[in-house]
PDB file of N, CA and C in Angstrom:
ATOM      1  N   UNK A   1      -4.718  -7.384   4.677  1.00  0.00           N
ATOM      2  CA  UNK A   1      -4.363  -7.807   3.342  1.00  0.00           C
ATOM      3  C   UNK A   1      -2.976  -7.259   3.039  1.00  0.00           C
ATOM      4  N   UNK A   2      -2.085  -8.125   2.588  1.00  0.00           N
ATOM      5  CA  UNK A   2      -0.731  -7.707   2.299  1.00  0.00           C
ATOM      6  C   UNK A   2      -0.252  -8.480   1.080  1.00  0.00           C
ATOM      7  N   UNK A   3       0.121  -7.738   0.037  1.00  0.00           N
ATOM      8  CA  UNK A   3       0.608  -8.411  -1.164  1.00  0.00           C
ATOM      9  C   UNK A   3       1.514  -7.479  -1.937  1.00  0.00           C
ATOM     10  N   UNK A   4       2.667  -7.991  -2.378  1.00  0.00           N
ATOM     11  CA  UNK A   4       3.528  -7.149  -3.203  1.00  0.00           C
ATOM     12  C   UNK A   4       2.861  -6.870  -4.547  1.00  0.00           C
ATOM     13  N   UNK A   5       3.022  -5.655  -5.060  1.00  0.00           N
ATOM     14  CA  UNK A   5       2.427  -5.314  -6.350  1.00  0.00           C
ATOM     15  C   UNK A   5       3.193  -6.037  -7.460  1.00  0.00           C
ATOM     16  N   UNK A   6       4.475  -5.820  -7.554  1.00  0.00           N
ATOM     17  CA  UNK A   6       5.323  -6.510  -8.540  1.00  0.00           C
ATOM     18  C   UNK A   6       6.759  -6.054  -8.331  1.00  0.00           C
ATOM     19  N   UNK A   7       7.695  -6.793  -8.879  1.00  0.00           N
ATOM     20  CA  UNK A   7       9.099  -6.395  -8.811  1.00  0.00           C
ATOM     21  C   UNK A   7       9.315  -5.198  -9.733  1.00  0.00           C
ATOM     22  N   UNK A   8      10.032  -4.185  -9.253  1.00  0.00           N
ATOM     23  CA  UNK A   8      10.243  -2.966 -10.027  1.00  0.00           C
ATOM     24  C   UNK A   8      11.699  -2.751 -10.405  1.00  0.00           C
ATOM     25  N   UNK A   9      12.546  -3.722 -10.119  1.00  0.00           N
ATOM     26  CA  UNK A   9      13.966  -3.571 -10.410  1.00  0.00           C
ATOM     27  C   UNK A   9      14.175  -3.324 -11.903  1.00  0.00           C
ATOM     28  N   UNK A  10      14.950  -2.285 -12.226  1.00  0.00           N
ATOM     29  CA  UNK A  10      15.254  -1.984 -13.614  1.00  0.00           C
ATOM     30  C   UNK A  10      14.257  -1.055 -14.292  1.00  0.00           C
ATOM     31  N   UNK A  11      13.182  -0.647 -13.610  1.00  0.00           N
ATOM     32  CA  UNK A  11      12.201   0.261 -14.201  1.00  0.00           C
ATOM     33  C   UNK A  11      12.626   1.710 -13.988  1.00  0.00           C
ATOM     34  N   UNK A  12      12.094   2.591 -14.813  1.00  0.00           N
ATOM     35  CA  UNK A  12      12.450   4.003 -14.698  1.00  0.00           C
ATOM     36  C   UNK A  12      11.701   4.664 -13.535  1.00  0.00           C
ATOM     37  N   UNK A  13      12.151   5.849 -13.165  1.00  0.00           N
ATOM     38  CA  UNK A  13      11.600   6.572 -12.023  1.00  0.00           C
ATOM     39  C   UNK A  13      10.111   6.874 -12.192  1.00  0.00           C
ATOM     40  N   UNK A  14       9.684   7.238 -13.393  1.00  0.00           N
ATOM     41  CA  UNK A  14       8.270   7.554 -13.635  1.00  0.00           C
ATOM     42  C   UNK A  14       7.381   6.336 -13.381  1.00  0.00           C
ATOM     43  N   UNK A  15       7.836   5.160 -13.785  1.00  0.00           N
ATOM     44  CA  UNK A  15       7.070   3.934 -13.565  1.00  0.00           C
ATOM     45  C   UNK A  15       6.960   3.632 -12.077  1.00  0.00           C
ATOM     46  N   UNK A  16       8.056   3.798 -11.358  1.00  0.00           N
ATOM     47  CA  UNK A  16       8.052   3.535  -9.915  1.00  0.00           C
ATOM     48  C   UNK A  16       7.119   4.503  -9.204  1.00  0.00           C
ATOM     49  N   UNK A  17       7.178   5.790  -9.541  1.00  0.00           N
ATOM     50  CA  UNK A  17       6.294   6.772  -8.919  1.00  0.00           C
ATOM     51  C   UNK A  17       4.827   6.477  -9.243  1.00  0.00           C
ATOM     52  N   UNK A  18       4.551   6.034 -10.443  1.00  0.00           N
ATOM     53  CA  UNK A  18       3.183   5.676 -10.839  1.00  0.00           C
ATOM     54  C   UNK A  18       2.675   4.502  -9.991  1.00  0.00           C
ATOM     55  N   UNK A  19       3.541   3.526  -9.738  1.00  0.00           N
ATOM     56  CA  UNK A  19       3.161   2.378  -8.917  1.00  0.00           C
ATOM     57  C   UNK A  19       2.939   2.777  -7.453  1.00  0.00           C
ATOM     58  N   UNK A  20       3.756   3.703  -6.945  1.00  0.00           N
ATOM     59  CA  UNK A  20       3.578   4.183  -5.571  1.00  0.00           C
ATOM     60  C   UNK A  20       2.244   4.917  -5.451  1.00  0.00           C
ATOM     61  N   UNK A  21       1.936   5.779  -6.435  1.00  0.00           N
ATOM     62  CA  UNK A  21       0.640   6.480  -6.426  1.00  0.00           C
ATOM     63  C   UNK A  21      -0.516   5.487  -6.476  1.00  0.00           C
ATOM     64  N   UNK A  22      -0.390   4.452  -7.288  1.00  0.00           N
ATOM     65  CA  UNK A  22      -1.440   3.439  -7.392  1.00  0.00           C
ATOM     66  C   UNK A  22      -1.635   2.720  -6.057  1.00  0.00           C
ATOM     67  N   UNK A  23      -0.539   2.454  -5.342  1.00  0.00           N
ATOM     68  CA  UNK A  23      -0.634   1.791  -4.040  1.00  0.00           C
ATOM     69  C   UNK A  23      -1.311   2.687  -3.013  1.00  0.00           C
ATOM     70  N   UNK A  24      -1.107   3.995  -3.113  1.00  0.00           N
ATOM     71  CA  UNK A  24      -1.706   4.943  -2.171  1.00  0.00           C
ATOM     72  C   UNK A  24      -3.165   5.261  -2.507  1.00  0.00           C
ATOM     73  N   UNK A  25      -3.536   5.100  -3.760  1.00  0.00           N
ATOM     74  CA  UNK A  25      -4.881   5.474  -4.206  1.00  0.00           C
ATOM     75  C   UNK A  25      -5.961   4.708  -3.431  1.00  0.00           C
ATOM     76  N   UNK A  26      -6.843   5.442  -2.801  1.00  0.00           N
ATOM     77  CA  UNK A  26      -7.966   4.853  -2.090  1.00  0.00           C
ATOM     78  C   UNK A  26      -7.632   4.273  -0.724  1.00  0.00           C
ATOM     79  N   UNK A  27      -6.386   4.365  -0.305  1.00  0.00           N
ATOM     80  CA  UNK A  27      -5.977   3.821   0.992  1.00  0.00           C
ATOM     81  C   UNK A  27      -6.441   4.756   2.105  1.00  0.00           C
ATOM     82  N   UNK A  28      -7.280   4.252   3.009  1.00  0.00           N
ATOM     83  CA  UNK A  28      -7.774   5.078   4.113  1.00  0.00           C
ATOM     84  C   UNK A  28      -7.043   4.770   5.407  1.00  0.00           C
ATOM     85  N   UNK A  29      -6.813   3.490   5.688  1.00  0.00           N
ATOM     86  CA  UNK A  29      -6.094   3.062   6.882  1.00  0.00           C
ATOM     87  C   UNK A  29      -5.096   1.992   6.459  1.00  0.00           C
ATOM     88  N   UNK A  30      -3.848   2.189   6.764  1.00  0.00           N
ATOM     89  CA  UNK A  30      -2.853   1.186   6.408  1.00  0.00           C
ATOM     90  C   UNK A  30      -1.507   1.813   6.131  1.00  0.00           C
ATOM     91  N   UNK A  31      -0.711   1.111   5.325  1.00  0.00           N
ATOM     92  CA  UNK A  31       0.633   1.607   5.026  1.00  0.00           C
ATOM     93  C   UNK A  31       1.080   1.126   3.652  1.00  0.00           C
ATOM     94  N   UNK A  32       2.055   1.847   3.111  1.00  0.00           N
ATOM     95  CA  UNK A  32       2.708   1.450   1.868  1.00  0.00           C
ATOM     96  C   UNK A  32       4.188   1.336   2.201  1.00  0.00           C
ATOM     97  N   UNK A  33       4.759   0.157   1.947  1.00  0.00           N
ATOM     98  CA  UNK A  33       6.163  -0.097   2.247  1.00  0.00           C
ATOM     99  C   UNK A  33       6.927  -0.226   0.935  1.00  0.00           C
ATOM    100  N   UNK A  34       8.041   0.500   0.837  1.00  0.00           N
ATOM    101  CA  UNK A  34       8.878   0.472  -0.359  1.00  0.00           C
ATOM    102  C   UNK A  34      10.182  -0.221   0.018  1.00  0.00           C
ATOM    103  N   UNK A  35      10.507  -1.309  -0.673  1.00  0.00           N
ATOM    104  CA  UNK A  35      11.725  -2.066  -0.401  1.00  0.00           C
ATOM    105  C   UNK A  35      12.783  -1.690  -1.428  1.00  0.00           C
ATOM    106  N   UNK A  36      13.978  -1.361  -0.928  1.00  0.00           N
ATOM    107  CA  UNK A  36      15.088  -0.927  -1.775  1.00  0.00           C
ATOM    108  C   UNK A  36      16.266  -1.875  -1.571  1.00  0.00           C
ATOM    109  N   UNK A  37      16.878  -2.331  -2.665  1.00  0.00           N
ATOM    110  CA  UNK A  37      18.092  -3.142  -2.624  1.00  0.00           C
ATOM    111  C   UNK A  37      19.105  -2.507  -3.564  1.00  0.00           C
ATOM    112  N   UNK A  38      20.300  -2.296  -3.065  1.00  0.00           N
ATOM    113  CA  UNK A  38      21.376  -1.692  -3.864  1.00  0.00           C
ATOM    114  C   UNK A  38      20.939  -0.390  -4.531  1.00  0.00           C
ATOM    115  N   UNK A  39      20.176   0.423  -3.813  1.00  0.00           N
ATOM    116  CA  UNK A  39      19.774   1.729  -4.314  1.00  0.00           C
ATOM    117  C   UNK A  39      18.632   1.705  -5.324  1.00  0.00           C
ATOM    118  N   UNK A  40      18.003   0.540  -5.537  1.00  0.00           N
ATOM    119  CA  UNK A  40      16.891   0.451  -6.480  1.00  0.00           C
ATOM    120  C   UNK A  40      15.640  -0.068  -5.782  1.00  0.00           C
ATOM    121  N   UNK A  41      14.497   0.505  -6.131  1.00  0.00           N
ATOM    122  CA  UNK A  41      13.216   0.025  -5.613  1.00  0.00           C
ATOM    123  C   UNK A  41      12.947  -1.328  -6.249  1.00  0.00           C
ATOM    124  N   UNK A  42      12.732  -2.338  -5.413  1.00  0.00           N
ATOM    125  CA  UNK A  42      12.481  -3.684  -5.931  1.00  0.00           C
ATOM    126  C   UNK A  42      11.081  -4.187  -5.609  1.00  0.00           C
ATOM    127  N   UNK A  43      10.402  -3.525  -4.651  1.00  0.00           N
ATOM    128  CA  UNK A  43       9.066  -3.995  -4.283  1.00  0.00           C
ATOM    129  C   UNK A  43       8.289  -2.884  -3.603  1.00  0.00           C
ATOM    130  N   UNK A  44       6.991  -2.843  -3.874  1.00  0.00           N
ATOM    131  CA  UNK A  44       6.076  -1.942  -3.183  1.00  0.00           C
ATOM    132  C   UNK A  44       4.981  -2.810  -2.591  1.00  0.00           C
ATOM    133  N   UNK A  45       4.765  -2.674  -1.293  1.00  0.00           N
ATOM    134  CA  UNK A  45       3.784  -3.498  -0.606  1.00  0.00           C
ATOM    135  C   UNK A  45       2.732  -2.600   0.036  1.00  0.00           C
ATOM    136  N   UNK A  46       1.475  -2.929  -0.173  1.00  0.00           N
ATOM    137  CA  UNK A  46       0.367  -2.171   0.393  1.00  0.00           C
ATOM    138  C   UNK A  46      -0.308  -3.026   1.456  1.00  0.00           C
ATOM    139  N   UNK A  47      -0.432  -2.467   2.654  1.00  0.00           N
ATOM    140  CA  UNK A  47      -1.125  -3.146   3.745  1.00  0.00           C
ATOM    141  C   UNK A  47      -2.332  -2.292   4.105  1.00  0.00           C
ATOM    142  N   UNK A  48      -3.503  -2.857   3.954  1.00  0.00           N
ATOM    143  CA  UNK A  48      -4.723  -2.105   4.199  1.00  0.00           C
ATOM    144  C   UNK A  48      -5.450  -2.687   5.398  1.00  0.00           C
ATOM    145  N   UNK A  49      -5.938  -1.797   6.244  1.00  0.00           N
ATOM    146  CA  UNK A  49      -6.680  -2.212   7.428  1.00  0.00           C
ATOM    147  C   UNK A  49      -8.130  -1.781   7.283  1.00  0.00           C
ATOM    148  N   UNK A  50      -9.000  -2.660   7.650  1.00  0.00           N
ATOM    149  CA  UNK A  50     -10.425  -2.351   7.665  1.00  0.00           C
ATOM    150  C   UNK A  50     -10.864  -2.318   9.115  1.00  0.00           C
ATOM    151  N   UNK A  51     -11.372  -1.203   9.549  1.00  0.00           N
ATOM    152  CA  UNK A  51     -11.790  -1.051  10.936  1.00  0.00           C
ATOM    153  C   UNK A  51     -13.291  -1.226  11.031  1.00  0.00           C
ATOM    154  N   UNK A  52     -13.678  -2.137  11.877  1.00  0.00           N
ATOM    155  CA  UNK A  52     -15.090  -2.409  12.102  1.00  0.00           C
ATOM    156  C   UNK A  52     -15.462  -1.882  13.478  1.00  0.00           C
ATOM    157  N   UNK A  53     -16.528  -1.118  13.533  1.00  0.00           N
ATOM    158  CA  UNK A  53     -16.979  -0.583  14.807  1.00  0.00           C
ATOM    159  C   UNK A  53     -18.300  -1.235  15.166  1.00  0.00           C
ATOM    160  N   UNK A  54     -18.390  -1.670  16.411  1.00  0.00           N
ATOM    161  CA  UNK A  54     -19.640  -2.266  16.885  1.00  0.00           C
ATOM    162  C   UNK A  54     -20.689  -1.171  16.987  1.00  0.00           C
ATOM    163  N   UNK A  55     -21.906  -1.496  16.548  1.00  0.00           N
ATOM    164  CA  UNK A  55     -22.995  -0.534  16.649  1.00  0.00           C
ATOM    165  C   UNK A  55     -23.464  -0.487  18.086  1.00  0.00           C
ATOM    166  N   UNK A  56     -23.608   0.732  18.619  1.00  0.00           N
ATOM    167  CA  UNK A  56     -24.065   0.858  20.004  1.00  0.00           C
ATOM    168  C   UNK A  56     -25.560   0.586  20.077  1.00  0.00           C
ATOM    169  N   UNK A  57     -25.958  -0.075  21.155  1.00  0.00           N
ATOM    170  CA  UNK A  57     -27.373  -0.397  21.377  1.00  0.00           C
ATOM    171  C   UNK A  57     -28.010   0.749  22.119  1.00  0.00           C
ATOM    172  N   UNK A  58     -29.048   1.339  21.537  1.00  0.00           N
ATOM    173  CA  UNK A  58     -29.757   2.435  22.186  1.00  0.00           C
ATOM    174  C   UNK A  58     -30.963   1.877  22.946  1.00  0.00           C
ATOM    175  N   UNK A  59     -31.178   2.369  24.152  1.00  0.00           N
ATOM    176  CA  UNK A  59     -32.319   1.936  24.948  1.00  0.00           C
ATOM    177  C   UNK A  59     -33.602   2.504  24.353  1.00  0.00           C
ATOM    178  N   UNK A  60     -34.631   1.666  24.237  1.00  0.00           N
ATOM    179  CA  UNK A  60     -35.889   2.123  23.660  1.00  0.00           C
ATOM    180  C   UNK A  60     -36.824   2.629  24.701  1.00  0.00           C
TER     181      UNK A  60
END
């Protein structure tokens, strides 16, 4: 799953940090990418991975 949260250009530092914390909240496997243009954060993208493990078959 990959989706930009919202454009952050022109927002204050506290708002940007709050959005970064929100993107990290509850993330177990994945990444948070911060895009910067002309020295300003313009996008925060959260990529989350869900790992599925096959259940091992036990001999009866």
